[in-house]
C-alpha atoms as a PDB file:
ATOM      1  CA  UNK A   1      -5.763 -15.587   1.267  1.00  0.00           C
ATOM      2  CA  UNK A   2      -3.713 -15.931   4.434  1.00  0.00           C
ATOM      3  CA  UNK A   3      -0.754 -13.829   5.411  1.00  0.00           C
ATOM      4  CA  UNK A   4       0.957 -11.806   8.086  1.00  0.00           C
ATOM      5  CA  UNK A   5       0.846  -8.139   8.911  1.00  0.00           C
ATOM      6  CA  UNK A   6       1.209  -5.636  11.724  1.00  0.00           C
ATOM      7  CA  UNK A   7      -1.132  -3.372  13.659  1.00  0.00           C
ATOM      8  CA  UNK A   8      -0.584   0.385  13.804  1.00  0.00           C
ATOM      9  CA  UNK A   9      -2.247   3.222  15.677  1.00  0.00           C
ATOM     10  CA  UNK A  10      -4.946   5.084  13.772  1.00  0.00           C
ATOM     11  CA  UNK A  11      -3.101   8.296  14.604  1.00  0.00           C
ATOM     12  CA  UNK A  12       0.152   9.085  16.358  1.00  0.00           C
ATOM     13  CA  UNK A  13       0.525  12.681  17.573  1.00  0.00           C
ATOM     14  CA  UNK A  14       3.575  14.369  19.058  1.00  0.00           C
ATOM     15  CA  UNK A  15       2.666  17.367  21.192  1.00  0.00           C
ATOM     16  CA  UNK A  16       5.052  20.311  21.494  1.00  0.00           C
ATOM     17  CA  UNK A  17       5.058  23.842  22.915  1.00  0.00           C
ATOM     18  CA  UNK A  18       4.838  27.008  20.797  1.00  0.00           C
ATOM     19  CA  UNK A  19       6.753  29.171  23.301  1.00  0.00           C
ATOM     20  CA  UNK A  20       9.921  28.447  25.315  1.00  0.00           C
ATOM     21  CA  UNK A  21       9.696  28.268  29.094  1.00  0.00           C
ATOM     22  CA  UNK A  22       9.743  26.110  32.188  1.00  0.00           C
ATOM     23  CA  UNK A  23       7.305  23.201  32.490  1.00  0.00           C
ATOM     24  CA  UNK A  24       4.976  23.866  35.426  1.00  0.00           C
ATOM     25  CA  UNK A  25       2.876  20.683  35.379  1.00  0.00           C
ATOM     26  CA  UNK A  26       2.712  17.337  33.589  1.00  0.00           C
ATOM     27  CA  UNK A  27      -0.707  15.891  34.373  1.00  0.00           C
ATOM     28  CA  UNK A  28      -0.430  12.533  32.584  1.00  0.00           C
ATOM     29  CA  UNK A  29       2.088   9.742  32.241  1.00  0.00           C
ATOM     30  CA  UNK A  30       2.968   6.774  30.065  1.00  0.00           C
ATOM     31  CA  UNK A  31      -0.070   4.566  29.388  1.00  0.00           C
ATOM     32  CA  UNK A  32      -2.710   7.023  30.617  1.00  0.00           C
ATOM     33  CA  UNK A  33      -5.964   7.410  28.661  1.00  0.00           C
ATOM     34  CA  UNK A  34      -6.642  10.958  27.400  1.00  0.00           C
ATOM     35  CA  UNK A  35      -9.666  12.742  25.943  1.00  0.00           C
ATOM     36  CA  UNK A  36     -10.025  15.550  23.402  1.00  0.00           C
ATOM     37  CA  UNK A  37      -9.495  18.918  25.111  1.00  0.00           C
ATOM     38  CA  UNK A  38      -7.990  17.429  28.281  1.00  0.00           C
ATOM     39  CA  UNK A  39      -5.192  19.513  29.844  1.00  0.00           C
ATOM     40  CA  UNK A  40      -1.982  17.480  29.678  1.00  0.00           C
ATOM     41  CA  UNK A  41       0.945  19.863  30.223  1.00  0.00           C
ATOM     42  CA  UNK A  42       1.201  23.421  31.542  1.00  0.00           C
ATOM     43  CA  UNK A  43       4.147  25.722  30.776  1.00  0.00           C
ATOM     44  CA  UNK A  44       4.947  28.707  33.014  1.00  0.00           C
ATOM     45  CA  UNK A  45       2.409  31.509  32.509  1.00  0.00           C
ATOM     46  CA  UNK A  46       3.024  34.239  35.133  1.00  0.00           C
ATOM     47  CA  UNK A  47       4.891  36.563  32.750  1.00  0.00           C
ATOM     48  CA  UNK A  48       2.291  36.035  30.033  1.00  0.00           C
ATOM     49  CA  UNK A  49      -0.530  36.802  32.476  1.00  0.00           C
ATOM     50  CA  UNK A  50       1.179  40.142  33.194  1.00  0.00           C
ATOM     51  CA  UNK A  51       1.426  40.792  29.453  1.00  0.00           C
ATOM     52  CA  UNK A  52      -2.321  40.170  29.108  1.00  0.00           C
ATOM     53  CA  UNK A  53      -3.014  42.614  31.972  1.00  0.00           C
ATOM     54  CA  UNK A  54      -0.770  45.246  30.359  1.00  0.00           C
ATOM     55  CA  UNK A  55      -2.439  44.771  26.966  1.00  0.00           C
ATOM     56  CA  UNK A  56      -5.849  45.046  28.593  1.00  0.00           C
ATOM     57  CA  UNK A  57      -4.885  48.360  30.249  1.00  0.00           C
ATOM     58  CA  UNK A  58      -3.542  49.680  26.940  1.00  0.00           C
ATOM     59  CA  UNK A  59      -6.795  48.729  25.211  1.00  0.00           C
ATOM     60  CA  UNK A  60      -8.913  50.485  27.821  1.00  0.00           C
ATOM     61  CA  UNK A  61      -6.812  53.641  27.495  1.00  0.00           C
ATOM     62  CA  UNK A  62      -7.063  53.513  23.708  1.00  0.00           C
ATOM     63  CA  UNK A  63     -10.837  53.105  23.920  1.00  0.00           C
ATOM     64  CA  UNK A  64     -11.105  56.116  26.245  1.00  0.00           C
ATOM     65  CA  UNK A  65      -9.010  58.235  23.863  1.00  0.00           C
ATOM     66  CA  UNK A  66     -11.203  57.091  20.995  1.00  0.00           C
ATOM     67  CA  UNK A  67     -14.384  58.146  22.801  1.00  0.00           C
ATOM     68  CA  UNK A  68     -12.926  61.614  23.409  1.00  0.00           C
ATOM     69  CA  UNK A  69     -11.659  61.920  19.830  1.00  0.00           C
ATOM     70  CA  UNK A  70     -15.016  60.827  18.440  1.00  0.00           C
ATOM     71  CA  UNK A  71     -16.908  63.336  20.565  1.00  0.00           C
ATOM     72  CA  UNK A  72     -14.528  66.141  19.579  1.00  0.00           C
ATOM     73  CA  UNK A  73     -14.864  65.197  15.907  1.00  0.00           C
ATOM     74  CA  UNK A  74     -18.669  65.342  16.084  1.00  0.00           C
ATOM     75  CA  UNK A  75     -18.573  68.696  17.938  1.00  0.00           C
ATOM     76  CA  UNK A  76     -16.184  70.277  15.407  1.00  0.00           C
ATOM     77  CA  UNK A  77     -18.278  68.952  12.527  1.00  0.00           C
ATOM     78  CA  UNK A  78     -21.308  70.741  13.969  1.00  0.00           C
ATOM     79  CA  UNK A  79     -19.312  73.977  14.462  1.00  0.00           C
ATOM     80  CA  UNK A  80     -17.985  73.776  10.930  1.00  0.00           C
ATOM     81  CA  UNK A  81     -21.515  73.354   9.608  1.00  0.00           C
ATOM     82  CA  UNK A  82     -22.386  76.572  11.467  1.00  0.00           C
ATOM     83  CA  UNK A  83     -19.263  78.211   9.977  1.00  0.00           C
ATOM     84  CA  UNK A  84     -17.789  78.782  13.445  1.00  0.00           C
ATOM     85  CA  UNK A  85     -14.457  76.934  12.808  1.00  0.00           C
ATOM     86  CA  UNK A  86     -12.169  76.904   9.752  1.00  0.00           C
ATOM     87  CA  UNK A  87     -11.720  73.814   7.513  1.00  0.00           C
ATOM     88  CA  UNK A  88      -8.269  73.144   9.030  1.00  0.00           C
ATOM     89  CA  UNK A  89      -9.822  72.597  12.470  1.00  0.00           C
ATOM     90  CA  UNK A  90     -12.397  70.236  11.017  1.00  0.00           C
ATOM     91  CA  UNK A  91      -9.662  68.242   9.193  1.00  0.00           C
ATOM     92  CA  UNK A  92      -7.534  68.007  12.336  1.00  0.00           C
ATOM     93  CA  UNK A  93     -10.437  66.647  14.418  1.00  0.00           C
ATOM     94  CA  UNK A  94     -11.250  64.098  11.725  1.00  0.00           C
ATOM     95  CA  UNK A  95      -7.628  62.915  11.560  1.00  0.00           C
ATOM     96  CA  UNK A  96      -7.391  62.606  15.350  1.00  0.00           C
ATOM     97  CA  UNK A  97     -10.604  60.588  15.329  1.00  0.00           C
ATOM     98  CA  UNK A  98      -9.192  58.159  12.721  1.00  0.00           C
ATOM     99  CA  UNK A  99      -5.867  57.829  14.578  1.00  0.00           C
ATOM    100  CA  UNK A 100      -7.666  57.048  17.840  1.00  0.00           C
ATOM    101  CA  UNK A 101      -9.762  54.410  16.062  1.00  0.00           C
ATOM    102  CA  UNK A 102      -6.619  52.812  14.577  1.00  0.00           C
ATOM    103  CA  UNK A 103      -4.969  52.730  18.009  1.00  0.00           C
ATOM    104  CA  UNK A 104      -7.975  50.845  19.386  1.00  0.00           C
ATOM    105  CA  UNK A 105      -7.756  48.265  16.575  1.00  0.00           C
ATOM    106  CA  UNK A 106      -4.033  47.825  17.248  1.00  0.00           C
ATOM    107  CA  UNK A 107      -4.630  47.437  20.994  1.00  0.00           C
ATOM    108  CA  UNK A 108      -7.331  44.809  20.323  1.00  0.00           C
ATOM    109  CA  UNK A 109      -4.880  42.780  18.222  1.00  0.00           C
ATOM    110  CA  UNK A 110      -2.195  43.136  20.893  1.00  0.00           C
ATOM    111  CA  UNK A 111      -4.441  41.744  23.630  1.00  0.00           C
ATOM    112  CA  UNK A 112      -5.668  38.941  21.337  1.00  0.00           C
ATOM    113  CA  UNK A 113      -2.028  37.958  20.696  1.00  0.00           C
ATOM    114  CA  UNK A 114      -1.198  38.096  24.422  1.00  0.00           C
ATOM    115  CA  UNK A 115      -4.253  35.967  25.234  1.00  0.00           C
ATOM    116  CA  UNK A 116      -3.284  33.415  22.567  1.00  0.00           C
ATOM    117  CA  UNK A 117       0.228  33.136  23.990  1.00  0.00           C
ATOM    118  CA  UNK A 118      -1.235  32.607  27.445  1.00  0.00           C
ATOM    119  CA  UNK A 119      -3.615  29.973  26.100  1.00  0.00           C
ATOM    120  CA  UNK A 120      -0.690  28.197  24.400  1.00  0.00           C
ATOM    121  CA  UNK A 121       0.853  27.483  27.803  1.00  0.00           C
ATOM    122  CA  UNK A 122      -1.920  24.906  28.250  1.00  0.00           C
ATOM    123  CA  UNK A 123      -1.127  21.861  26.100  1.00  0.00           C
ATOM    124  CA  UNK A 124      -4.351  19.910  25.548  1.00  0.00           C
ATOM    125  CA  UNK A 125      -5.077  16.611  23.830  1.00  0.00           C
ATOM    126  CA  UNK A 126      -6.289  16.832  20.216  1.00  0.00           C
ATOM    127  CA  UNK A 127      -7.449  13.185  20.205  1.00  0.00           C
ATOM    128  CA  UNK A 128      -9.026  10.458  22.283  1.00  0.00           C
ATOM    129  CA  UNK A 129      -6.312   7.921  22.970  1.00  0.00           C
ATOM    130  CA  UNK A 130      -3.396   6.980  25.193  1.00  0.00           C
ATOM    131  CA  UNK A 131      -0.031   8.431  26.165  1.00  0.00           C
ATOM    132  CA  UNK A 132       2.585   6.454  24.269  1.00  0.00           C
ATOM    133  CA  UNK A 133       5.652   8.385  25.497  1.00  0.00           C
ATOM    134  CA  UNK A 134       6.383  11.218  27.913  1.00  0.00           C
ATOM    135  CA  UNK A 135       9.378  13.481  27.239  1.00  0.00           C
ATOM    136  CA  UNK A 136       8.961  16.397  29.708  1.00  0.00           C
ATOM    137  CA  UNK A 137       9.118  16.779  33.491  1.00  0.00           C
ATOM    138  CA  UNK A 138       7.999  19.584  35.827  1.00  0.00           C
ATOM    139  CA  UNK A 139      10.684  22.242  36.334  1.00  0.00           C
ATOM    140  CA  UNK A 140      12.399  21.409  33.053  1.00  0.00           C
ATOM    141  CA  UNK A 141      13.167  24.253  30.609  1.00  0.00           C
ATOM    142  CA  UNK A 142      11.935  23.508  27.092  1.00  0.00           C
ATOM    143  CA  UNK A 143      12.756  25.355  23.888  1.00  0.00           C
ATOM    144  CA  UNK A 144      10.074  26.258  21.370  1.00  0.00           C
ATOM    145  CA  UNK A 145       8.855  23.162  19.540  1.00  0.00           C
ATOM    146  CA  UNK A 146      10.196  20.636  22.073  1.00  0.00           C
ATOM    147  CA  UNK A 147       8.585  17.200  22.204  1.00  0.00           C
ATOM    148  CA  UNK A 148       6.458  16.917  25.334  1.00  0.00           C
ATOM    149  CA  UNK A 149       4.228  13.877  24.783  1.00  0.00           C
ATOM    150  CA  UNK A 150       3.391  11.315  22.136  1.00  0.00           C
ATOM    151  CA  UNK A 151      -0.245  10.224  21.936  1.00  0.00           C
ATOM    152  CA  UNK A 152      -1.793   7.356  19.996  1.00  0.00           C
ATOM    153  CA  UNK A 153      -5.383   6.790  18.893  1.00  0.00           C
ATOM    154  CA  UNK A 154      -6.233   3.073  18.877  1.00  0.00           C
ATOM    155  CA  UNK A 155      -9.917   3.270  17.851  1.00  0.00           C
ATOM    156  CA  UNK A 156      -9.781   1.686  15.354  1.00  0.00           C
ATOM    157  CA  UNK A 157      -6.338   0.220  14.661  1.00  0.00           C
ATOM    158  CA  UNK A 158      -4.787   0.018  11.217  1.00  0.00           C
ATOM    159  CA  UNK A 159      -3.708  -3.320   9.803  1.00  0.00           C
ATOM    160  CA  UNK A 160      -1.076  -3.330   7.070  1.00  0.00           C
ATOM    161  CA  UNK A 161      -0.347  -6.527   5.218  1.00  0.00           C
ATOM    162  CA  UNK A 162       1.149  -7.467   1.830  1.00  0.00           C
ATOM    163  CA  UNK A 163      -0.875  -9.610  -0.550  1.00  0.00           C
ATOM    164  CA  UNK A 164       0.610 -11.753  -3.283  1.00  0.00           C
ATOM    165  CA  UNK A 165       0.551 -10.430  -6.832  1.00  0.00           C
ATOM    166  CA  UNK A 166      -1.689 -13.316  -7.874  1.00  0.00           C
ATOM    167  CA  UNK A 167      -4.448 -12.029  -5.534  1.00  0.00           C
ATOM    168  CA  UNK A 168      -4.195  -8.336  -6.422  1.00  0.00           C
ATOM    169  CA  UNK A 169      -7.182  -8.456  -8.762  1.00  0.00           C
ATOM    170  CA  UNK A 170      -9.404  -9.496  -5.835  1.00  0.00           C
ATOM    171  CA  UNK A 171      -8.375  -6.628  -3.532  1.00  0.00           C
ATOM    172  CA  UNK A 172     -11.276  -4.206  -3.173  1.00  0.00           C
ATOM    173  CA  UNK A 173     -12.090  -1.535  -0.597  1.00  0.00           C
ATOM    174  CA  UNK A 174     -14.589  -3.025   1.848  1.00  0.00           C
ATOM    175  CA  UNK A 175     -13.210  -6.567   1.622  1.00  0.00           C
ATOM    176  CA  UNK A 176     -13.611  -8.326   5.032  1.00  0.00           C
ATOM    177  CA  UNK A 177     -10.316  -9.053   6.808  1.00  0.00           C
ATOM    178  CA  UNK A 178     -10.055 -11.437   9.777  1.00  0.00           C
ATOM    179  CA  UNK A 179      -7.198 -10.964  12.247  1.00  0.00           C
ATOM    180  CA  UNK A 180      -5.702 -13.118  14.983  1.00  0.00           C
ATOM    181  CA  UNK A 181      -2.789 -12.153  17.241  1.00  0.00           C
ATOM    182  CA  UNK A 182      -0.463 -14.350  19.281  1.00  0.00           C
ATOM    183  CA  UNK A 183      -1.113 -12.275  22.419  1.00  0.00           C
ATOM    184  CA  UNK A 184      -4.809 -13.260  22.387  1.00  0.00           C
ATOM    185  CA  UNK A 185      -4.991 -16.923  21.342  1.00  0.00           C
ATOM    186  CA  UNK A 186      -8.407 -18.104  20.258  1.00  0.00           C
ATOM    187  CA  UNK A 187      -9.793 -14.601  19.664  1.00  0.00           C
ATOM    188  CA  UNK A 188     -10.622 -13.260  16.206  1.00  0.00           C
ATOM    189  CA  UNK A 189     -11.117  -9.640  15.160  1.00  0.00           C
ATOM    190  CA  UNK A 190     -12.806  -8.568  11.935  1.00  0.00           C
ATOM    191  CA  UNK A 191     -12.316  -5.396   9.929  1.00  0.00           C
ATOM    192  CA  UNK A 192     -12.508  -4.124   6.358  1.00  0.00           C
ATOM    193  CA  UNK A 193      -9.920  -3.221   3.762  1.00  0.00           C
ATOM    194  CA  UNK A 194      -9.721   0.583   3.423  1.00  0.00           C
ATOM    195  CA  UNK A 195      -6.623   1.415   1.361  1.00  0.00           C
ATOM    196  CA  UNK A 196      -4.643  -0.172  -1.446  1.00  0.00           C
ATOM    197  CA  UNK A 197      -1.097   0.795  -2.458  1.00  0.00           C
ATOM    198  CA  UNK A 198      -0.595   2.290  -5.894  1.00  0.00           C
ATOM    199  CA  UNK A 199       1.982  -0.249  -7.033  1.00  0.00           C
ATOM    200  CA  UNK A 200       3.435  -3.720  -6.450  1.00  0.00           C
ATOM    201  CA  UNK A 201       6.738  -4.097  -4.620  1.00  0.00           C
ATOM    202  CA  UNK A 202       9.288  -5.246  -7.223  1.00  0.00           C
ATOM    203  CA  UNK A 203      11.277  -7.337  -4.746  1.00  0.00           C
ATOM    204  CA  UNK A 204       8.520  -9.314  -3.012  1.00  0.00           C
ATOM    205  CA  UNK A 205       5.996  -9.101  -5.878  1.00  0.00           C
ATOM    206  CA  UNK A 206       3.332  -8.147  -3.345  1.00  0.00           C
ATOM    207  CA  UNK A 207       0.911  -5.263  -2.877  1.00  0.00           C
ATOM    208  CA  UNK A 208       0.555  -3.487   0.467  1.00  0.00           C
ATOM    209  CA  UNK A 209      -3.015  -3.008   1.687  1.00  0.00           C
ATOM    210  CA  UNK A 210      -4.467  -1.411   4.816  1.00  0.00           C
ATOM    211  CA  UNK A 211      -7.561  -2.301   6.798  1.00  0.00           C
ATOM    212  CA  UNK A 212      -9.324  -0.811   9.823  1.00  0.00           C
ATOM    213  CA  UNK A 213      -9.815  -3.171  12.754  1.00  0.00           C
ATOM    214  CA  UNK A 214     -12.310  -2.077  15.450  1.00  0.00           C
ATOM    215  CA  UNK A 215     -10.794  -2.081  18.945  1.00  0.00           C
ATOM    216  CA  UNK A 216     -13.700  -1.085  21.185  1.00  0.00           C
ATOM    217  CA  UNK A 217     -12.476  -3.129  24.156  1.00  0.00           C
ATOM    218  CA  UNK A 218      -8.832  -1.963  23.894  1.00  0.00           C
ATOM    219  CA  UNK A 219      -7.629  -5.554  23.586  1.00  0.00           C
ATOM    220  CA  UNK A 220      -5.460  -4.913  20.540  1.00  0.00           C
ATOM    221  CA  UNK A 221      -2.337  -2.779  20.708  1.00  0.00           C
ATOM    222  CA  UNK A 222      -0.194  -1.054  18.074  1.00  0.00           C
ATOM    223  CA  UNK A 223       2.779  -3.196  17.131  1.00  0.00           C
ATOM    224  CA  UNK A 224       1.071  -6.582  17.488  1.00  0.00           C
ATOM    225  CA  UNK A 225       2.021  -9.105  14.822  1.00  0.00           C
ATOM    226  CA  UNK A 226      -1.156 -10.214  13.047  1.00  0.00           C
ATOM    227  CA  UNK A 227      -2.205 -13.381  11.233  1.00  0.00           C
ATOM    228  CA  UNK A 228      -4.545 -12.266   8.466  1.00  0.00           C
ATOM    229  CA  UNK A 229      -7.227 -14.149   6.566  1.00  0.00           C
ATOM    230  CA  UNK A 230      -9.264 -12.682   3.712  1.00  0.00           C
ATOM    231  CA  UNK A 231     -11.686 -14.253   1.235  1.00  0.00           C
ATOM    232  CA  UNK A 232     -10.588 -12.548  -1.960  1.00  0.00           C
ATOM    233  CA  UNK A 233     -12.523 -14.644  -4.430  1.00  0.00           C
ATOM    234  CA  UNK A 234     -12.807 -18.209  -5.618  1.00  0.00           C
ATOM    235  CA  UNK A 235     -10.451 -20.084  -7.930  1.00  0.00           C
ATOM    236  CA  UNK A 236      -9.220 -23.644  -8.440  1.00  0.00           C
ATOM    237  CA  UNK A 237      -6.444 -24.627  -6.054  1.00  0.00           C
ATOM    238  CA  UNK A 238      -4.123 -27.575  -5.523  1.00  0.00           C
ATOM    239  CA  UNK A 239      -4.441 -28.855  -1.965  1.00  0.00           C
ATOM    240  CA  UNK A 240      -2.331 -31.488  -0.234  1.00  0.00           C
ATOM    241  CA  UNK A 241      -2.465 -32.867   3.324  1.00  0.00           C
ATOM    242  CA  UNK A 242      -0.359 -30.883   5.787  1.00  0.00           C
ATOM    243  CA  UNK A 243       1.603 -34.055   6.416  1.00  0.00           C
ATOM    244  CA  UNK A 244       2.933 -33.800   2.847  1.00  0.00           C
ATOM    245  CA  UNK A 245       4.643 -30.467   3.475  1.00  0.00           C
ATOM    246  CA  UNK A 246       8.213 -30.478   4.764  1.00  0.00           C
ATOM    247  CA  UNK A 247       9.870 -27.313   6.029  1.00  0.00           C
ATOM    248  CA  UNK A 248      13.645 -27.118   6.311  1.00  0.00           C
ATOM    249  CA  UNK A 249      15.768 -24.004   6.902  1.00  0.00           C
ATOM    250  CA  UNK A 250      12.715 -21.797   6.363  1.00  0.00           C
ATOM    251  CA  UNK A 251      11.915 -23.322   2.948  1.00  0.00           C
ATOM    252  CA  UNK A 252       8.728 -25.300   2.179  1.00  0.00           C
ATOM    253  CA  UNK A 253       9.338 -28.477   0.226  1.00  0.00           C
ATOM    254  CA  UNK A 254       7.405 -31.510  -0.973  1.00  0.00           C
ATOM    255  CA  UNK A 255       8.468 -34.936  -2.226  1.00  0.00           C
ATOM    256  CA  UNK A 256       7.014 -35.841  -5.628  1.00  0.00           C
ATOM    257  CA  UNK A 257       7.010 -39.446  -6.850  1.00  0.00           C
ATOM    258  CA  UNK A 258       7.971 -40.393 -10.404  1.00  0.00           C
ATOM    259  CA  UNK A 259       7.362 -44.078 -10.574  1.00  0.00           C
ATOM    260  CA  UNK A 260       9.244 -45.391  -7.538  1.00  0.00           C
ATOM    261  CA  UNK A 261      11.700 -42.477  -7.392  1.00  0.00           C
ATOM    262  CA  UNK A 262      11.344 -39.566  -5.005  1.00  0.00           C
ATOM    263  CA  UNK A 263      12.233 -36.018  -6.048  1.00  0.00           C
ATOM    264  CA  UNK A 264      12.472 -33.124  -3.597  1.00  0.00           C
ATOM    265  CA  UNK A 265      10.968 -29.833  -4.749  1.00  0.00           C
ATOM    266  CA  UNK A 266      10.667 -26.332  -3.285  1.00  0.00           C
ATOM    267  CA  UNK A 267       7.125 -24.956  -3.324  1.00  0.00           C
ATOM    268  CA  UNK A 268       5.210 -21.810  -2.439  1.00  0.00           C
ATOM    269  CA  UNK A 269       2.403 -22.318   0.061  1.00  0.00           C
ATOM    270  CA  UNK A 270      -0.955 -20.558  -0.169  1.00  0.00           C
ATOM    271  CA  UNK A 271      -4.073 -20.865   1.988  1.00  0.00           C
ATOM    272  CA  UNK A 272      -4.264 -23.434   4.801  1.00  0.00           C
ATOM    273  CA  UNK A 273      -7.668 -24.878   5.653  1.00  0.00           C
ATOM    274  CA  UNK A 274      -8.006 -27.532   8.314  1.00  0.00           C
ATOM    275  CA  UNK A 275      -5.715 -30.487   7.500  1.00  0.00           C
ATOM    276  CA  UNK A 276      -5.145 -29.248   3.948  1.00  0.00           C
ATOM    277  CA  UNK A 277      -2.736 -26.671   2.595  1.00  0.00           C
ATOM    278  CA  UNK A 278      -2.665 -25.015  -0.827  1.00  0.00           C
ATOM    279  CA  UNK A 279       0.405 -25.343  -3.016  1.00  0.00           C
ATOM    280  CA  UNK A 280       0.381 -22.068  -4.956  1.00  0.00           C
ATOM    281  CA  UNK A 281       3.528 -22.749  -6.975  1.00  0.00           C
ATOM    282  CA  UNK A 282       5.696 -25.816  -7.652  1.00  0.00           C
ATOM    283  CA  UNK A 283       3.103 -28.573  -8.194  1.00  0.00           C
ATOM    284  CA  UNK A 284       0.891 -29.593 -11.103  1.00  0.00           C
ATOM    285  CA  UNK A 285      -2.506 -31.208 -10.914  1.00  0.00           C
ATOM    286  CA  UNK A 286      -1.707 -34.865 -11.727  1.00  0.00           C
ATOM    287  CA  UNK A 287       1.547 -35.248  -9.795  1.00  0.00           C
ATOM    288  CA  UNK A 288       1.701 -37.501  -6.752  1.00  0.00           C
ATOM    289  CA  UNK A 289       3.026 -36.260  -3.417  1.00  0.00           C
ATOM    290  CA  UNK A 290       4.470 -38.249  -0.517  1.00  0.00           C
ATOM    291  CA  UNK A 291       2.473 -37.680   2.683  1.00  0.00           C
ATOM    292  CA  UNK A 292       4.250 -39.904   5.226  1.00  0.00           C
ATOM    293  CA  UNK A 293       7.745 -40.621   6.565  1.00  0.00           C
ATOM    294  CA  UNK A 294       9.040 -37.350   5.052  1.00  0.00           C
ATOM    295  CA  UNK A 295      11.865 -37.155   7.580  1.00  0.00           C
ATOM    296  CA  UNK A 296      13.292 -40.419   6.187  1.00  0.00           C
ATOM    297  CA  UNK A 297      13.095 -39.423   2.517  1.00  0.00           C
ATOM    298  CA  UNK A 298      15.892 -38.004   0.374  1.00  0.00           C
ATOM    299  CA  UNK A 299      16.098 -36.680  -3.165  1.00  0.00           C
ATOM    300  CA  UNK A 300      16.526 -39.556  -5.683  1.00  0.00           C
ATOM    301  CA  UNK A 301      15.600 -42.296  -3.226  1.00  0.00           C
ATOM    302  CA  UNK A 302      13.728 -45.350  -4.520  1.00  0.00           C
ATOM    303  CA  UNK A 303      10.561 -46.086  -2.549  1.00  0.00           C
ATOM    304  CA  UNK A 304       7.540 -48.338  -2.475  1.00  0.00           C
ATOM    305  CA  UNK A 305       4.444 -46.195  -2.952  1.00  0.00           C
ATOM    306  CA  UNK A 306       0.871 -46.709  -1.873  1.00  0.00           C
ATOM    307  CA  UNK A 307      -1.879 -44.516  -3.278  1.00  0.00           C
ATOM    308  CA  UNK A 308      -4.000 -42.741  -0.677  1.00  0.00           C
ATOM    309  CA  UNK A 309      -7.172 -40.926  -1.726  1.00  0.00           C
ATOM    310  CA  UNK A 310      -7.660 -37.354  -0.550  1.00  0.00           C
ATOM    311  CA  UNK A 311     -10.481 -36.804   1.911  1.00  0.00           C
END
């Protein structure tokens, strides 16, 4: 099977900020390579650093109060055991101990939240890839959830191509797919079919499939138009010389002889191999096809034929 398709990034990620603020730094630009965990954008953080310091002070104070409350609770428990304090005093010390403990837990959560907000001012790359688009500039104010960068992962690339309904039964995960692109003439890239659509498109009577194409040398790029070849099985085919195929206004046609009369006929082309091309629809096995002077032929014309054996 031969056909056409397009290459897509394995992943496309749009990075945004979780908190509003001014952009302090943008450390990458369009086309730059990025790695997982690499710092890409920094949003203002001075105010958040102060919030972390304040939360840290509150936690330390809460911890000190807890230590005092715990010690007092243990001392009162001992005095109560010796019947030197009433039950009310014991209950009060126990309650103060529990309140102090709860304040510590609350202060720990507050500092964890402040630290997370501070960490969120550093926008890092979640993938290995390239910067596809840059939307933010230093000094610019950005609302929560603003687009800052778009990243793409091109290792591997995804190939999407439709296959004719007549070949659907041959489509299997793991099927080798060979790809050529106009930008790299003479080079061939090989991948494997990975996904198959659930249903056939009713308009084109084709099934969309997806393959992964390795791109270790970064030669291929998302958006390239691809010429696809796949061996999907073996079956009998009608082949004619390429010289017998006439294309006009985007339609493939052949001239079939009936005695000495020529008849023009629209056909559907299949696989091309060397000087031969498959006629998938529009021709039967024992019909004769004109293979020369097609530009001088017309429907209904009387001609002198000469049989030429296929090679």
